[in-house]
Amino acid sequence: MTSDQLRQALGELNGERDLGVVFSNVHSPVPGVSSLEVKKAMLIPDEADHLVKVTDGKSVFIIDAERVAWIRIGLR
């Protein structure tokens, strides 16, 4: 997946839905944990660095589009 494709898929994040991302080919210090959950996620508009960034209002998460296996919008 490209950054543009991921940004398009995350375009509906407006702070009202949760985001779950599962990564492939990621080595984690905790076996089996290669995912990210962001509560009330918002997509940060494209900036000069062209990184895909989401925020929960407290932290900014940078997502490597090439490592995304799948995403889920609207977690429980």
Protein backbone atom coordinates (compact mmCIF):
# COMPACT_ATOMS: atom_id res chain seq x y z
CA MET A 1 0.00 0.00 0.00
CA THR A 2 1.28 3.47 -0.80
CA SER A 3 1.09 6.48 1.48
CA ASP A 4 -1.50 8.05 -0.83
CA GLN A 5 -3.67 4.93 -0.72
CA LEU A 6 -3.43 4.75 3.07
CA ARG A 7 -4.20 8.45 3.43
CA GLN A 8 -7.28 7.97 1.24
CA ALA A 9 -8.43 4.98 3.31
CA LEU A 10 -7.98 6.93 6.55
CA GLY A 11 -9.67 10.03 5.16
CA GLU A 12 -12.88 9.43 7.08
CA LEU A 13 -11.15 9.61 10.47
CA ASN A 14 -12.55 12.71 12.13
CA GLY A 15 -12.11 12.05 15.83
CA GLU A 16 -15.32 10.06 16.20
CA ARG A 17 -13.99 6.60 15.33
CA ASP A 18 -11.21 4.39 16.60
CA LEU A 19 -8.46 3.04 14.37
CA GLY A 20 -6.77 -0.35 14.46
CA VAL A 21 -3.72 -1.06 12.30
CA VAL A 22 -1.96 -4.42 11.93
CA PHE A 23 1.54 -4.40 10.50
CA SER A 24 3.38 -7.07 8.54
CA ASN A 25 7.12 -7.72 8.66
CA VAL A 26 7.56 -5.81 11.91
CA HIS A 27 9.81 -7.16 14.63
CA SER A 28 8.27 -6.44 18.00
CA PRO A 29 9.85 -6.78 21.45
CA VAL A 30 6.58 -8.41 22.53
CA PRO A 31 5.90 -11.60 20.53
CA GLY A 32 2.74 -11.38 18.48
CA VAL A 33 2.22 -7.67 19.06
CA SER A 34 2.57 -5.77 15.82
CA SER A 35 -0.51 -3.61 15.91
CA LEU A 36 -1.61 -0.14 16.88
CA GLU A 37 -4.91 1.12 18.28
CA VAL A 38 -5.76 4.82 18.31
CA LYS A 39 -8.93 5.91 20.10
CA LYS A 40 -10.92 8.75 18.49
CA ALA A 41 -8.37 8.99 15.69
CA MET A 42 -7.98 11.93 13.36
CA LEU A 43 -5.94 11.96 10.17
CA ILE A 44 -3.45 14.83 10.12
CA PRO A 45 -3.56 16.63 6.76
CA ASP A 46 -0.66 16.03 4.38
CA GLU A 47 2.40 18.05 5.38
CA ALA A 48 5.69 18.82 3.62
CA ASP A 49 7.23 15.55 4.90
CA HIS A 50 4.37 13.50 3.29
CA LEU A 51 4.29 11.07 6.25
CA VAL A 52 0.95 9.47 7.13
CA LYS A 53 0.12 10.73 10.62
CA VAL A 54 -2.88 10.20 12.87
CA THR A 55 -3.56 11.67 16.29
CA ASP A 56 -5.80 11.06 19.27
CA GLY A 57 -5.29 14.65 20.41
CA LYS A 58 -2.55 13.65 22.84
CA SER A 59 -0.01 11.85 20.66
CA VAL A 60 0.90 11.69 16.98
CA PHE A 61 1.37 8.30 15.37
CA ILE A 62 3.35 7.95 12.13
CA ILE A 63 2.29 4.96 10.03
CA ASP A 64 4.60 3.26 7.53
CA ALA A 65 2.16 2.54 4.72
CA GLU A 66 4.32 -0.17 3.17
CA ARG A 67 4.10 -2.27 6.36
CA VAL A 68 0.32 -2.08 6.83
CA ALA A 69 -1.31 -5.51 6.49
CA TRP A 70 -4.82 -4.25 7.22
CA ILE A 71 -6.74 -1.52 9.03
CA ARG A 72 -10.02 -1.35 10.90
CA ILE A 73 -11.95 1.85 11.40
CA GLY A 74 -14.58 1.89 14.15
CA LEU A 75 -13.26 -0.41 16.87
CA ARG A 76 -15.44 -1.34 19.80
